[in-house]
Amino acid sequence: MAFVPFIPDLSDWELFNDQLIHYFDEQQVPNVNEDDWKIVADFFAGNSTFAAFGVSNGDGFIDWTDWAGQFITAVNGGDDA
């Protein structure tokens, strides 16, 4: 898995979702409104490629930025990546 170069804290949902769609275009990432961000979280958690990195679904996260931070950390190989 490649290093994910974008930071969710520096974007809004629309930009972050667009970046996921662009960066992982072969995965056919859903394009959803911010209110439906858990659809994207569930999509990645249910994808065997990303699940192998410990990507979580949206359960237990307050908002998309909390989940996105965990997603980026997991995909990039942990807190030390």
C-alpha atoms as a PDB file:
ATOM      1  CA  MET A   1       0.000   0.000   0.000  1.00  0.00           C
ATOM      2  CA  ALA A   2       1.311   3.426  -0.881  1.00  0.00           C
ATOM      3  CA  PHE A   3       1.743   6.277   1.566  1.00  0.00           C
ATOM      4  CA  VAL A   4      -1.429   8.393   1.672  1.00  0.00           C
ATOM      5  CA  PRO A   5      -0.224  11.990   1.229  1.00  0.00           C
ATOM      6  CA  PHE A   6      -3.272  13.958   2.347  1.00  0.00           C
ATOM      7  CA  ILE A   7      -4.307  15.083   5.828  1.00  0.00           C
ATOM      8  CA  PRO A   8      -7.979  15.026   6.832  1.00  0.00           C
ATOM      9  CA  ASP A   9      -7.496  17.818   9.385  1.00  0.00           C
ATOM     10  CA  LEU A  10      -6.681  20.178   6.520  1.00  0.00           C
ATOM     11  CA  SER A  11      -9.770  19.514   4.433  1.00  0.00           C
ATOM     12  CA  ASP A  12     -13.524  19.336   4.514  1.00  0.00           C
ATOM     13  CA  TRP A  13     -15.460  16.145   3.809  1.00  0.00           C
ATOM     14  CA  GLU A  14     -16.034  16.909   0.128  1.00  0.00           C
ATOM     15  CA  LEU A  15     -12.305  17.354  -0.519  1.00  0.00           C
ATOM     16  CA  PHE A  16     -11.346  14.316   1.570  1.00  0.00           C
ATOM     17  CA  ASN A  17     -13.896  12.089  -0.167  1.00  0.00           C
ATOM     18  CA  ASP A  18     -12.714  13.378  -3.560  1.00  0.00           C
ATOM     19  CA  GLN A  19      -9.108  12.598  -2.603  1.00  0.00           C
ATOM     20  CA  LEU A  20     -10.062   9.045  -1.606  1.00  0.00           C
ATOM     21  CA  ILE A  21     -11.903   8.579  -4.899  1.00  0.00           C
ATOM     22  CA  HIS A  22      -8.922   9.883  -6.858  1.00  0.00           C
ATOM     23  CA  TYR A  23      -6.162   8.151  -4.889  1.00  0.00           C
ATOM     24  CA  PHE A  24      -7.927   4.785  -4.720  1.00  0.00           C
ATOM     25  CA  ASP A  25      -9.760   4.991  -8.048  1.00  0.00           C
ATOM     26  CA  GLU A  26      -9.458   1.254  -8.733  1.00  0.00           C
ATOM     27  CA  GLN A  27     -11.495   0.564  -5.566  1.00  0.00           C
ATOM     28  CA  GLN A  28     -14.590   2.503  -6.723  1.00  0.00           C
ATOM     29  CA  VAL A  29     -14.905   4.507  -3.511  1.00  0.00           C
ATOM     30  CA  PRO A  30     -18.444   5.812  -2.922  1.00  0.00           C
ATOM     31  CA  ASN A  31     -19.047   9.529  -3.408  1.00  0.00           C
ATOM     32  CA  VAL A  32     -21.372  10.592  -0.585  1.00  0.00           C
ATOM     33  CA  ASN A  33     -22.426  13.690   1.336  1.00  0.00           C
ATOM     34  CA  GLU A  34     -20.820  14.413   4.699  1.00  0.00           C
ATOM     35  CA  ASP A  35     -23.874  13.135   6.580  1.00  0.00           C
ATOM     36  CA  ASP A  36     -23.267   9.723   5.001  1.00  0.00           C
ATOM     37  CA  TRP A  37     -19.506   9.478   5.686  1.00  0.00           C
ATOM     38  CA  LYS A  38     -19.990   6.140   7.495  1.00  0.00           C
ATOM     39  CA  ILE A  39     -20.830   4.569   4.114  1.00  0.00           C
ATOM     40  CA  VAL A  40     -17.256   5.301   3.036  1.00  0.00           C
ATOM     41  CA  ALA A  41     -15.844   4.100   6.368  1.00  0.00           C
ATOM     42  CA  ASP A  42     -17.823   0.848   6.081  1.00  0.00           C
ATOM     43  CA  PHE A  43     -16.711   0.474   2.461  1.00  0.00           C
ATOM     44  CA  PHE A  44     -13.019   0.583   3.394  1.00  0.00           C
ATOM     45  CA  ALA A  45     -13.444  -1.611   6.482  1.00  0.00           C
ATOM     46  CA  GLY A  46     -15.241  -4.210   4.361  1.00  0.00           C
ATOM     47  CA  ASN A  47     -12.579  -4.157   1.644  1.00  0.00           C
ATOM     48  CA  SER A  48     -10.089  -6.988   2.253  1.00  0.00           C
ATOM     49  CA  THR A  49      -7.138  -4.886   1.085  1.00  0.00           C
ATOM     50  CA  PHE A  50      -7.819  -2.175   3.637  1.00  0.00           C
ATOM     51  CA  ALA A  51      -9.115  -4.450   6.393  1.00  0.00           C
ATOM     52  CA  ALA A  52      -5.682  -6.105   6.391  1.00  0.00           C
ATOM     53  CA  PHE A  53      -4.254  -2.747   7.523  1.00  0.00           C
ATOM     54  CA  GLY A  54      -6.693  -2.512  10.423  1.00  0.00           C
ATOM     55  CA  VAL A  55      -8.980   0.100   8.890  1.00  0.00           C
ATOM     56  CA  SER A  56     -12.082   0.500  11.069  1.00  0.00           C
ATOM     57  CA  ASN A  57     -15.663   1.077  10.079  1.00  0.00           C
ATOM     58  CA  GLY A  58     -17.460   4.189  11.287  1.00  0.00           C
ATOM     59  CA  ASP A  59     -18.695   2.708  14.567  1.00  0.00           C
ATOM     60  CA  GLY A  60     -17.421   4.481  17.655  1.00  0.00           C
ATOM     61  CA  PHE A  61     -16.181   7.591  15.866  1.00  0.00           C
ATOM     62  CA  ILE A  62     -17.759  10.950  16.658  1.00  0.00           C
ATOM     63  CA  ASP A  63     -17.328  12.340  13.165  1.00  0.00           C
ATOM     64  CA  TRP A  64     -15.569  11.683   9.887  1.00  0.00           C
ATOM     65  CA  THR A  65     -12.360  13.463  10.921  1.00  0.00           C
ATOM     66  CA  ASP A  66     -11.832  11.043  13.816  1.00  0.00           C
ATOM     67  CA  TRP A  67     -12.323   8.063  11.514  1.00  0.00           C
ATOM     68  CA  ALA A  68     -10.203   9.631   8.745  1.00  0.00           C
ATOM     69  CA  GLY A  69      -7.284  10.139  11.114  1.00  0.00           C
ATOM     70  CA  GLN A  70      -7.415   6.455  12.051  1.00  0.00           C
ATOM     71  CA  PHE A  71      -7.737   5.480   8.394  1.00  0.00           C
ATOM     72  CA  ILE A  72      -4.662   7.491   7.357  1.00  0.00           C
ATOM     73  CA  THR A  73      -2.617   6.158  10.310  1.00  0.00           C
ATOM     74  CA  ALA A  74      -3.586   2.555   9.529  1.00  0.00           C
ATOM     75  CA  VAL A  75      -2.909   2.777   5.799  1.00  0.00           C
ATOM     76  CA  ASN A  76       0.369   4.621   6.310  1.00  0.00           C
ATOM     77  CA  GLY A  77       1.636   1.961   8.679  1.00  0.00           C
ATOM     78  CA  GLY A  78       0.990   3.325  12.139  1.00  0.00           C
ATOM     79  CA  ASP A  79       1.768   6.407  14.201  1.00  0.00           C
ATOM     80  CA  ASP A  80       5.448   6.295  13.263  1.00  0.00           C
ATOM     81  CA  ALA A  81       4.873   6.309   9.492  1.00  0.00           C
END
